[in-house]
Structure formats: C-alpha cells, structure tokens
PDB file of N, CA and C in Angstrom:
ATOM      1  N   UNK A   1     -28.508   1.378 -22.862  1.00  0.00           N
ATOM      2  CA  UNK A   1     -27.007   1.192 -22.657  1.00  0.00           C
ATOM      3  C   UNK A   1     -27.689   0.319 -21.276  1.00  0.00           C
ATOM      4  N   UNK A   2     -26.529  -0.641 -20.747  1.00  0.00           N
ATOM      5  CA  UNK A   2     -26.829  -1.774 -19.954  1.00  0.00           C
ATOM      6  C   UNK A   2     -27.656  -1.380 -18.633  1.00  0.00           C
ATOM      7  N   UNK A   3     -28.426  -1.665 -17.515  1.00  0.00           N
ATOM      8  CA  UNK A   3     -28.396  -1.018 -16.379  1.00  0.00           C
ATOM      9  C   UNK A   3     -28.103  -1.784 -15.757  1.00  0.00           C
ATOM     10  N   UNK A   4     -27.269  -3.421 -15.335  1.00  0.00           N
ATOM     11  CA  UNK A   4     -26.981  -3.702 -14.686  1.00  0.00           C
ATOM     12  C   UNK A   4     -25.364  -4.462 -14.964  1.00  0.00           C
ATOM     13  N   UNK A   5     -24.421  -4.319 -14.108  1.00  0.00           N
ATOM     14  CA  UNK A   5     -22.977  -5.141 -14.276  1.00  0.00           C
ATOM     15  C   UNK A   5     -22.121  -5.591 -13.103  1.00  0.00           C
ATOM     16  N   UNK A   6     -21.528  -6.096 -13.658  1.00  0.00           N
ATOM     17  CA  UNK A   6     -20.995  -6.927 -11.909  1.00  0.00           C
ATOM     18  C   UNK A   6     -19.354  -6.380 -12.184  1.00  0.00           C
ATOM     19  N   UNK A   7     -19.026  -7.175 -10.818  1.00  0.00           N
ATOM     20  CA  UNK A   7     -17.420  -6.359 -10.085  1.00  0.00           C
ATOM     21  C   UNK A   7     -17.082  -7.634  -9.625  1.00  0.00           C
ATOM     22  N   UNK A   8     -15.906  -7.912  -9.592  1.00  0.00           N
ATOM     23  CA  UNK A   8     -15.475  -9.158  -9.084  1.00  0.00           C
ATOM     24  C   UNK A   8     -13.967  -8.923  -8.136  1.00  0.00           C
ATOM     25  N   UNK A   9     -13.886  -8.748  -7.013  1.00  0.00           N
ATOM     26  CA  UNK A   9     -13.066  -8.598  -5.822  1.00  0.00           C
ATOM     27  C   UNK A   9     -12.302  -9.520  -6.383  1.00  0.00           C
ATOM     28  N   UNK A  10     -10.334  -9.722  -5.804  1.00  0.00           N
ATOM     29  CA  UNK A  10      -9.631 -10.124  -5.383  1.00  0.00           C
ATOM     30  C   UNK A  10      -8.836 -10.098  -4.315  1.00  0.00           C
ATOM     31  N   UNK A  11      -9.444 -10.481  -3.381  1.00  0.00           N
ATOM     32  CA  UNK A  11      -8.168 -10.617  -2.527  1.00  0.00           C
ATOM     33  C   UNK A  11      -8.224 -11.739  -1.188  1.00  0.00           C
ATOM     34  N   UNK A  12      -6.947 -11.980  -0.609  1.00  0.00           N
ATOM     35  CA  UNK A  12      -6.361 -12.867   0.134  1.00  0.00           C
ATOM     36  C   UNK A  12      -7.276 -14.211  -0.740  1.00  0.00           C
ATOM     37  N   UNK A  13      -6.953 -14.569  -1.942  1.00  0.00           N
ATOM     38  CA  UNK A  13      -7.272 -15.902  -2.403  1.00  0.00           C
ATOM     39  C   UNK A  13      -8.937 -16.141  -2.316  1.00  0.00           C
ATOM     40  N   UNK A  14      -9.453 -15.024  -1.912  1.00  0.00           N
ATOM     41  CA  UNK A  14     -11.036 -15.453  -2.204  1.00  0.00           C
ATOM     42  C   UNK A  14     -11.586 -14.166  -3.521  1.00  0.00           C
ATOM     43  N   UNK A  15     -12.811 -14.478  -3.947  1.00  0.00           N
ATOM     44  CA  UNK A  15     -13.454 -13.577  -4.858  1.00  0.00           C
ATOM     45  C   UNK A  15     -14.794 -13.261  -4.210  1.00  0.00           C
ATOM     46  N   UNK A  16     -15.332 -12.583  -4.601  1.00  0.00           N
ATOM     47  CA  UNK A  16     -15.913 -11.749  -4.302  1.00  0.00           C
ATOM     48  C   UNK A  16     -16.525 -11.021  -5.465  1.00  0.00           C
ATOM     49  N   UNK A  17     -18.106 -11.188  -6.315  1.00  0.00           N
ATOM     50  CA  UNK A  17     -18.937 -10.879  -7.254  1.00  0.00           C
ATOM     51  C   UNK A  17     -19.745  -9.523  -6.409  1.00  0.00           C
ATOM     52  N   UNK A  18     -19.895  -8.626  -7.266  1.00  0.00           N
ATOM     53  CA  UNK A  18     -20.930  -7.518  -6.945  1.00  0.00           C
ATOM     54  C   UNK A  18     -21.891  -7.137  -7.726  1.00  0.00           C
ATOM     55  N   UNK A  19     -22.940  -6.176  -7.599  1.00  0.00           N
ATOM     56  CA  UNK A  19     -23.394  -6.145  -9.133  1.00  0.00           C
ATOM     57  C   UNK A  19     -23.867  -4.714  -8.920  1.00  0.00           C
ATOM     58  N   UNK A  20     -23.799  -4.192  -9.711  1.00  0.00           N
ATOM     59  CA  UNK A  20     -24.022  -2.806  -9.995  1.00  0.00           C
ATOM     60  C   UNK A  20     -25.226  -2.703 -10.783  1.00  0.00           C
ATOM     61  N   UNK A  21     -25.930  -1.583 -10.040  1.00  0.00           N
ATOM     62  CA  UNK A  21     -26.850  -1.419 -10.640  1.00  0.00           C
ATOM     63  C   UNK A  21     -26.843   0.671 -11.455  1.00  0.00           C
ATOM     64  N   UNK A  22     -27.268   0.940 -12.502  1.00  0.00           N
ATOM     65  CA  UNK A  22     -27.244   2.469 -13.189  1.00  0.00           C
ATOM     66  C   UNK A  22     -28.520   2.848 -12.241  1.00  0.00           C
ATOM     67  N   UNK A  23     -28.156   4.475 -12.595  1.00  0.00           N
ATOM     68  CA  UNK A  23     -29.058   5.232 -11.582  1.00  0.00           C
ATOM     69  C   UNK A  23     -29.075   6.298 -12.749  1.00  0.00           C
ATOM     70  N   UNK A  24     -29.881   6.279 -13.854  1.00  0.00           N
ATOM     71  CA  UNK A  24     -30.097   7.377 -14.763  1.00  0.00           C
ATOM     72  C   UNK A  24     -30.794   8.484 -14.115  1.00  0.00           C
ATOM     73  N   UNK A  25     -31.282   8.809 -12.849  1.00  0.00           N
ATOM     74  CA  UNK A  25     -31.075  10.057 -12.768  1.00  0.00           C
ATOM     75  C   UNK A  25     -30.326  11.079 -12.324  1.00  0.00           C
ATOM     76  N   UNK A  26     -29.254  10.272 -11.573  1.00  0.00           N
ATOM     77  CA  UNK A  26     -27.952  10.745 -11.525  1.00  0.00           C
ATOM     78  C   UNK A  26     -26.733  10.616 -12.086  1.00  0.00           C
ATOM     79  N   UNK A  27     -26.888   9.854 -12.786  1.00  0.00           N
ATOM     80  CA  UNK A  27     -26.440   8.747 -14.179  1.00  0.00           C
ATOM     81  C   UNK A  27     -24.498   8.529 -13.207  1.00  0.00           C
ATOM     82  N   UNK A  28     -25.309   7.903 -12.173  1.00  0.00           N
ATOM     83  CA  UNK A  28     -24.199   7.088 -11.769  1.00  0.00           C
ATOM     84  C   UNK A  28     -24.590   5.226 -11.835  1.00  0.00           C
ATOM     85  N   UNK A  29     -23.017   4.612 -10.995  1.00  0.00           N
ATOM     86  CA  UNK A  29     -22.877   3.252 -11.047  1.00  0.00           C
ATOM     87  C   UNK A  29     -23.187   2.911  -9.622  1.00  0.00           C
ATOM     88  N   UNK A  30     -24.362   2.009  -8.878  1.00  0.00           N
ATOM     89  CA  UNK A  30     -24.565   1.695  -7.617  1.00  0.00           C
ATOM     90  C   UNK A  30     -24.224   0.830  -7.118  1.00  0.00           C
ATOM     91  N   UNK A  31     -22.950   0.281  -6.411  1.00  0.00           N
ATOM     92  CA  UNK A  31     -22.506  -0.944  -6.056  1.00  0.00           C
ATOM     93  C   UNK A  31     -23.341  -2.179  -5.662  1.00  0.00           C
ATOM     94  N   UNK A  32     -23.749  -3.093  -5.204  1.00  0.00           N
ATOM     95  CA  UNK A  32     -25.120  -3.453  -3.811  1.00  0.00           C
ATOM     96  C   UNK A  32     -23.438  -4.442  -3.299  1.00  0.00           C
ATOM     97  N   UNK A  33     -23.874  -4.505  -1.735  1.00  0.00           N
ATOM     98  CA  UNK A  33     -22.652  -5.422  -1.350  1.00  0.00           C
ATOM     99  C   UNK A  33     -23.340  -6.129   0.074  1.00  0.00           C
ATOM    100  N   UNK A  34     -22.836  -7.286  -0.086  1.00  0.00           N
ATOM    101  CA  UNK A  34     -23.240  -8.019   0.526  1.00  0.00           C
ATOM    102  C   UNK A  34     -23.527  -7.803   2.805  1.00  0.00           C
ATOM    103  N   UNK A  35     -24.147  -7.644   3.028  1.00  0.00           N
ATOM    104  CA  UNK A  35     -23.889  -7.049   4.571  1.00  0.00           C
ATOM    105  C   UNK A  35     -23.523  -8.203   5.628  1.00  0.00           C
ATOM    106  N   UNK A  36     -22.166  -7.850   5.576  1.00  0.00           N
ATOM    107  CA  UNK A  36     -21.216  -8.556   5.824  1.00  0.00           C
ATOM    108  C   UNK A  36     -21.661  -9.178   7.408  1.00  0.00           C
ATOM    109  N   UNK A  37     -22.359  -7.522   8.371  1.00  0.00           N
ATOM    110  CA  UNK A  37     -22.604  -7.947   9.532  1.00  0.00           C
ATOM    111  C   UNK A  37     -23.377  -8.874   9.800  1.00  0.00           C
ATOM    112  N   UNK A  38     -24.633  -8.929   8.724  1.00  0.00           N
ATOM    113  CA  UNK A  38     -25.234 -10.261   8.801  1.00  0.00           C
ATOM    114  C   UNK A  38     -25.126 -11.498   8.992  1.00  0.00           C
ATOM    115  N   UNK A  39     -24.106 -11.493   7.459  1.00  0.00           N
ATOM    116  CA  UNK A  39     -23.166 -12.898   6.609  1.00  0.00           C
ATOM    117  C   UNK A  39     -22.561 -12.540   6.970  1.00  0.00           C
ATOM    118  N   UNK A  40     -21.469 -13.166   7.591  1.00  0.00           N
ATOM    119  CA  UNK A  40     -20.451 -12.330   7.699  1.00  0.00           C
ATOM    120  C   UNK A  40     -19.428 -13.734   6.811  1.00  0.00           C
ATOM    121  N   UNK A  41     -18.730 -13.245   6.641  1.00  0.00           N
ATOM    122  CA  UNK A  41     -17.570 -14.021   4.779  1.00  0.00           C
ATOM    123  C   UNK A  41     -16.507 -13.601   5.314  1.00  0.00           C
ATOM    124  N   UNK A  42     -15.467 -15.534   5.368  1.00  0.00           N
ATOM    125  CA  UNK A  42     -13.999 -14.984   5.280  1.00  0.00           C
ATOM    126  C   UNK A  42     -13.572 -16.296   4.282  1.00  0.00           C
ATOM    127  N   UNK A  43     -12.322 -15.104   3.888  1.00  0.00           N
ATOM    128  CA  UNK A  43     -11.734 -15.654   3.121  1.00  0.00           C
ATOM    129  C   UNK A  43     -11.301 -17.035   3.544  1.00  0.00           C
ATOM    130  N   UNK A  44     -10.033 -17.793   2.781  1.00  0.00           N
ATOM    131  CA  UNK A  44      -9.887 -19.314   2.428  1.00  0.00           C
ATOM    132  C   UNK A  44      -8.521 -19.264   3.786  1.00  0.00           C
ATOM    133  N   UNK A  45      -8.577 -18.053   3.929  1.00  0.00           N
ATOM    134  CA  UNK A  45      -6.938 -17.631   5.222  1.00  0.00           C
ATOM    135  C   UNK A  45      -7.300 -17.530   6.435  1.00  0.00           C
ATOM    136  N   UNK A  46      -8.925 -17.383   6.777  1.00  0.00           N
ATOM    137  CA  UNK A  46      -9.527 -16.875   7.533  1.00  0.00           C
ATOM    138  C   UNK A  46      -9.727 -15.422   7.770  1.00  0.00           C
ATOM    139  N   UNK A  47      -9.957 -14.738   7.137  1.00  0.00           N
ATOM    140  CA  UNK A  47     -10.065 -13.371   7.144  1.00  0.00           C
ATOM    141  C   UNK A  47     -10.953 -13.127   6.698  1.00  0.00           C
ATOM    142  N   UNK A  48     -11.774 -11.705   7.412  1.00  0.00           N
ATOM    143  CA  UNK A  48     -13.140 -11.538   7.458  1.00  0.00           C
ATOM    144  C   UNK A  48     -13.150 -10.598   6.609  1.00  0.00           C
ATOM    145  N   UNK A  49     -14.474  -9.978   5.193  1.00  0.00           N
ATOM    146  CA  UNK A  49     -14.776  -9.263   4.442  1.00  0.00           C
ATOM    147  C   UNK A  49     -15.671  -8.309   5.539  1.00  0.00           C
ATOM    148  N   UNK A  50     -15.443  -6.658   5.175  1.00  0.00           N
ATOM    149  CA  UNK A  50     -15.792  -5.795   5.887  1.00  0.00           C
ATOM    150  C   UNK A  50     -15.804  -4.571   5.041  1.00  0.00           C
ATOM    151  N   UNK A  51     -16.528  -3.705   5.788  1.00  0.00           N
ATOM    152  CA  UNK A  51     -17.484  -2.463   4.925  1.00  0.00           C
ATOM    153  C   UNK A  51     -16.488  -1.719   5.574  1.00  0.00           C
ATOM    154  N   UNK A  52     -15.765  -0.759   4.802  1.00  0.00           N
ATOM    155  CA  UNK A  52     -15.666   0.503   5.604  1.00  0.00           C
ATOM    156  C   UNK A  52     -16.250   1.403   6.458  1.00  0.00           C
ATOM    157  N   UNK A  53     -17.520   0.835   6.377  1.00  0.00           N
ATOM    158  CA  UNK A  53     -18.437   1.911   7.661  1.00  0.00           C
ATOM    159  C   UNK A  53     -18.531   1.339   8.898  1.00  0.00           C
ATOM    160  N   UNK A  54     -18.399   0.001   8.802  1.00  0.00           N
ATOM    161  CA  UNK A  54     -18.108  -1.235  10.138  1.00  0.00           C
ATOM    162  C   UNK A  54     -17.709  -0.168  11.511  1.00  0.00           C
ATOM    163  N   UNK A  55     -18.354  -0.454  11.927  1.00  0.00           N
ATOM    164  CA  UNK A  55     -17.969   0.016  13.277  1.00  0.00           C
ATOM    165  C   UNK A  55     -18.042  -0.335  15.047  1.00  0.00           C
ATOM    166  N   UNK A  56     -18.213  -1.721  14.682  1.00  0.00           N
ATOM    167  CA  UNK A  56     -17.873  -2.350  16.002  1.00  0.00           C
ATOM    168  C   UNK A  56     -16.633  -3.485  16.222  1.00  0.00           C
ATOM    169  N   UNK A  57     -15.407  -2.553  15.574  1.00  0.00           N
ATOM    170  CA  UNK A  57     -14.204  -3.402  16.016  1.00  0.00           C
ATOM    171  C   UNK A  57     -13.686  -3.174  16.876  1.00  0.00           C
ATOM    172  N   UNK A  58     -13.153  -3.612  17.847  1.00  0.00           N
ATOM    173  CA  UNK A  58     -12.425  -2.921  18.611  1.00  0.00           C
ATOM    174  C   UNK A  58     -11.104  -2.565  19.139  1.00  0.00           C
ATOM    175  N   UNK A  59     -10.708  -2.991  17.357  1.00  0.00           N
ATOM    176  CA  UNK A  59      -9.515  -2.454  17.562  1.00  0.00           C
ATOM    177  C   UNK A  59      -8.987  -1.499  16.300  1.00  0.00           C
ATOM    178  N   UNK A  60     -10.245  -0.772  16.515  1.00  0.00           N
ATOM    179  CA  UNK A  60     -10.413   0.450  15.280  1.00  0.00           C
ATOM    180  C   UNK A  60     -10.135   1.956  16.057  1.00  0.00           C
ATOM    181  N   UNK A  61      -9.539   2.453  15.130  1.00  0.00           N
ATOM    182  CA  UNK A  61      -9.511   4.029  15.962  1.00  0.00           C
ATOM    183  C   UNK A  61     -10.502   4.477  16.973  1.00  0.00           C
ATOM    184  N   UNK A  62     -10.039   4.519  17.869  1.00  0.00           N
ATOM    185  CA  UNK A  62     -11.213   5.839  18.670  1.00  0.00           C
ATOM    186  C   UNK A  62     -11.789   6.650  18.323  1.00  0.00           C
ATOM    187  N   UNK A  63     -11.126   7.697  17.667  1.00  0.00           N
ATOM    188  CA  UNK A  63     -11.315   8.905  17.077  1.00  0.00           C
ATOM    189  C   UNK A  63     -12.292   8.373  15.992  1.00  0.00           C
ATOM    190  N   UNK A  64     -11.902   7.899  15.191  1.00  0.00           N
ATOM    191  CA  UNK A  64     -12.442   7.611  14.005  1.00  0.00           C
ATOM    192  C   UNK A  64     -13.755   6.366  14.115  1.00  0.00           C
ATOM    193  N   UNK A  65     -13.067   5.670  14.725  1.00  0.00           N
ATOM    194  CA  UNK A  65     -14.021   3.854  15.225  1.00  0.00           C
ATOM    195  C   UNK A  65     -14.779   3.045  14.266  1.00  0.00           C
ATOM    196  N   UNK A  66     -13.957   3.173  13.251  1.00  0.00           N
ATOM    197  CA  UNK A  66     -14.568   2.159  11.674  1.00  0.00           C
ATOM    198  C   UNK A  66     -13.794   1.858  10.748  1.00  0.00           C
ATOM    199  N   UNK A  67     -13.579   0.817  10.108  1.00  0.00           N
ATOM    200  CA  UNK A  67     -12.906   0.357   9.535  1.00  0.00           C
ATOM    201  C   UNK A  67     -12.057   0.928   8.392  1.00  0.00           C
ATOM    202  N   UNK A  68     -12.644   1.602   7.490  1.00  0.00           N
ATOM    203  CA  UNK A  68     -12.249   2.673   6.713  1.00  0.00           C
ATOM    204  C   UNK A  68     -11.013   3.443   6.753  1.00  0.00           C
ATOM    205  N   UNK A  69     -10.832   3.532   7.992  1.00  0.00           N
ATOM    206  CA  UNK A  69      -9.444   4.027   8.334  1.00  0.00           C
ATOM    207  C   UNK A  69      -8.422   3.176   9.031  1.00  0.00           C
ATOM    208  N   UNK A  70      -8.846   2.206   9.086  1.00  0.00           N
ATOM    209  CA  UNK A  70      -8.462   0.952   9.664  1.00  0.00           C
ATOM    210  C   UNK A  70      -6.696   0.620   8.901  1.00  0.00           C
ATOM    211  N   UNK A  71      -5.319   0.745   9.473  1.00  0.00           N
ATOM    212  CA  UNK A  71      -4.611   0.419   8.783  1.00  0.00           C
ATOM    213  C   UNK A  71      -4.613  -1.232   8.179  1.00  0.00           C
ATOM    214  N   UNK A  72      -5.245  -2.145   8.794  1.00  0.00           N
ATOM    215  CA  UNK A  72      -5.631  -3.584   8.926  1.00  0.00           C
ATOM    216  C   UNK A  72      -6.019  -4.235   7.587  1.00  0.00           C
ATOM    217  N   UNK A  73      -7.253  -3.129   7.423  1.00  0.00           N
ATOM    218  CA  UNK A  73      -8.407  -2.755   6.309  1.00  0.00           C
ATOM    219  C   UNK A  73      -7.894  -2.869   4.615  1.00  0.00           C
ATOM    220  N   UNK A  74      -7.657  -4.451   3.957  1.00  0.00           N
ATOM    221  CA  UNK A  74      -6.961  -3.993   2.401  1.00  0.00           C
ATOM    222  C   UNK A  74      -7.926  -4.065   1.406  1.00  0.00           C
ATOM    223  N   UNK A  75      -7.934  -2.774   0.413  1.00  0.00           N
ATOM    224  CA  UNK A  75      -8.805  -2.793  -0.622  1.00  0.00           C
ATOM    225  C   UNK A  75      -7.829  -2.682  -1.946  1.00  0.00           C
ATOM    226  N   UNK A  76      -9.029  -3.328  -2.605  1.00  0.00           N
ATOM    227  CA  UNK A  76      -8.226  -3.455  -4.436  1.00  0.00           C
ATOM    228  C   UNK A  76      -7.846  -2.361  -4.502  1.00  0.00           C
ATOM    229  N   UNK A  77      -8.657  -1.179  -4.396  1.00  0.00           N
ATOM    230  CA  UNK A  77      -8.867   0.245  -4.945  1.00  0.00           C
ATOM    231  C   UNK A  77      -8.478   0.708  -3.881  1.00  0.00           C
ATOM    232  N   UNK A  78      -7.970   2.501  -3.695  1.00  0.00           N
ATOM    233  CA  UNK A  78      -7.874   3.102  -2.620  1.00  0.00           C
ATOM    234  C   UNK A  78      -9.653   3.142  -1.946  1.00  0.00           C
ATOM    235  N   UNK A  79      -9.726   3.706  -3.640  1.00  0.00           N
ATOM    236  CA  UNK A  79     -11.775   3.805  -3.154  1.00  0.00           C
ATOM    237  C   UNK A  79     -12.550   3.079  -3.110  1.00  0.00           C
ATOM    238  N   UNK A  80     -12.097   1.629  -2.788  1.00  0.00           N
ATOM    239  CA  UNK A  80     -13.304   0.691  -2.106  1.00  0.00           C
ATOM    240  C   UNK A  80     -13.681   1.048  -1.209  1.00  0.00           C
ATOM    241  N   UNK A  81     -15.543   0.454  -1.085  1.00  0.00           N
ATOM    242  CA  UNK A  81     -15.818   0.642  -0.294  1.00  0.00           C
ATOM    243  C   UNK A  81     -15.667  -0.857   0.989  1.00  0.00           C
ATOM    244  N   UNK A  82     -15.207  -1.729   0.522  1.00  0.00           N
ATOM    245  CA  UNK A  82     -14.992  -3.410   0.998  1.00  0.00           C
ATOM    246  C   UNK A  82     -13.583  -3.313   1.055  1.00  0.00           C
ATOM    247  N   UNK A  83     -12.741  -4.307   1.538  1.00  0.00           N
ATOM    248  CA  UNK A  83     -12.322  -4.939   1.588  1.00  0.00           C
ATOM    249  C   UNK A  83     -12.383  -6.589   2.355  1.00  0.00           C
ATOM    250  N   UNK A  84     -10.850  -6.673   3.111  1.00  0.00           N
ATOM    251  CA  UNK A  84     -10.349  -7.728   4.350  1.00  0.00           C
ATOM    252  C   UNK A  84      -9.693  -7.316   5.173  1.00  0.00           C
ATOM    253  N   UNK A  85     -10.283  -7.787   6.320  1.00  0.00           N
ATOM    254  CA  UNK A  85      -9.572  -7.688   7.242  1.00  0.00           C
ATOM    255  C   UNK A  85      -7.977  -8.127   7.757  1.00  0.00           C
ATOM    256  N   UNK A  86      -6.575  -7.484   7.338  1.00  0.00           N
ATOM    257  CA  UNK A  86      -5.792  -8.385   8.068  1.00  0.00           C
ATOM    258  C   UNK A  86      -5.290  -8.285   9.051  1.00  0.00           C
ATOM    259  N   UNK A  87      -6.210  -7.738  10.633  1.00  0.00           N
ATOM    260  CA  UNK A  87      -5.254  -8.194  11.586  1.00  0.00           C
ATOM    261  C   UNK A  87      -5.327  -9.167  12.425  1.00  0.00           C
ATOM    262  N   UNK A  88      -4.553 -10.090  12.515  1.00  0.00           N
ATOM    263  CA  UNK A  88      -4.343 -11.211  13.192  1.00  0.00           C
ATOM    264  C   UNK A  88      -4.781 -11.586  14.522  1.00  0.00           C
ATOM    265  N   UNK A  89      -5.368 -10.724  14.856  1.00  0.00           N
ATOM    266  CA  UNK A  89      -6.155 -10.709  16.405  1.00  0.00           C
ATOM    267  C   UNK A  89      -7.424 -11.420  15.983  1.00  0.00           C
ATOM    268  N   UNK A  90      -7.968 -11.020  14.956  1.00  0.00           N
ATOM    269  CA  UNK A  90      -9.414 -11.294  14.891  1.00  0.00           C
ATOM    270  C   UNK A  90      -9.642 -12.677  13.238  1.00  0.00           C
ATOM    271  N   UNK A  91      -8.211 -12.843  13.189  1.00  0.00           N
ATOM    272  CA  UNK A  91      -8.067 -14.107  11.814  1.00  0.00           C
ATOM    273  C   UNK A  91      -8.702 -15.486  12.885  1.00  0.00           C
ATOM    274  N   UNK A  92      -9.780 -16.153  11.535  1.00  0.00           N
ATOM    275  CA  UNK A  92      -9.743 -17.791  12.531  1.00  0.00           C
ATOM    276  C   UNK A  92      -8.549 -18.318  12.367  1.00  0.00           C
ATOM    277  N   UNK A  93      -8.824 -19.407  13.041  1.00  0.00           N
ATOM    278  CA  UNK A  93      -7.635 -19.838  13.572  1.00  0.00           C
ATOM    279  C   UNK A  93      -8.165 -21.770  12.514  1.00  0.00           C
ATOM    280  N   UNK A  94      -7.693 -21.824  11.755  1.00  0.00           N
ATOM    281  CA  UNK A  94      -7.858 -23.364  10.876  1.00  0.00           C
ATOM    282  C   UNK A  94      -8.140 -24.982  11.664  1.00  0.00           C
ATOM    283  N   UNK A  95      -7.799 -24.336  12.954  1.00  0.00           N
ATOM    284  CA  UNK A  95      -7.925 -25.428  13.897  1.00  0.00           C
ATOM    285  C   UNK A  95      -9.103 -24.972  15.176  1.00  0.00           C
ATOM    286  N   UNK A  96      -9.102 -24.351  15.596  1.00  0.00           N
ATOM    287  CA  UNK A  96     -10.433 -23.217  16.246  1.00  0.00           C
ATOM    288  C   UNK A  96     -11.574 -24.566  15.959  1.00  0.00           C
ATOM    289  N   UNK A  97     -12.122 -24.904  14.309  1.00  0.00           N
ATOM    290  CA  UNK A  97     -13.187 -25.455  14.412  1.00  0.00           C
ATOM    291  C   UNK A  97     -13.141 -26.765  14.458  1.00  0.00           C
ATOM    292  N   UNK A  98     -11.581 -27.421  14.409  1.00  0.00           N
ATOM    293  CA  UNK A  98     -11.716 -29.104  14.418  1.00  0.00           C
ATOM    294  C   UNK A  98     -11.770 -30.097  15.293  1.00  0.00           C
ATOM    295  N   UNK A  99     -12.170 -29.455  16.929  1.00  0.00           N
ATOM    296  CA  UNK A  99     -12.611 -29.675  18.107  1.00  0.00           C
ATOM    297  C   UNK A  99     -13.328 -31.105  17.949  1.00  0.00           C
TER     298      UNK A  99
END
C-alpha cells in the first residue's frame, strides 16, 4: 500500500495541494495542512484560507469562537477541515496595496 497521497482543494479560483500520510497503526489517512496562522494564504480574489479550528476571528460566533461553525467559511466538502473565508469585511482589497 502506498504511504502518501495528495489532495487538491479548489476554492475561490485557487487550488491548494495537501499531503496525506497513511498511519498503519490506526488504518487511516492523516492530512497535513499549512499553518495558515503562521503562513497566511489568500485566494486570487483576496479571501483567506482558514482552518476550522481557527479561533482568532472577531466575527466568529462568541458561543463557539471558531471558523468551523462560521457560515462564512466555504469548504469543498462538509467534512473538510480547511476552507476559504467569504466574509467581505475580511477580504483583501486589490487597491489596498497599490499606494
């Protein structure tokens, strides 16, 4: 059995490839994600990639406090652990860096 494979996410005109490593002890594939807090990643449309466990957003539901419960987080599949934030208040503006 192969021990590594990849998955490519396609969201908001962007693609992001992740690596999955097989854990034979538990017979599961474990996906490795970029640490979006340390290395922010934005789509070409200025939207930020986020993990469902991100808790630093001022717009998150105060009861839950994470991106995973936020309706602005768009994911390819409902069970995905990463996605793109579609909150327009957090979107980078194309002209913001042109000055």
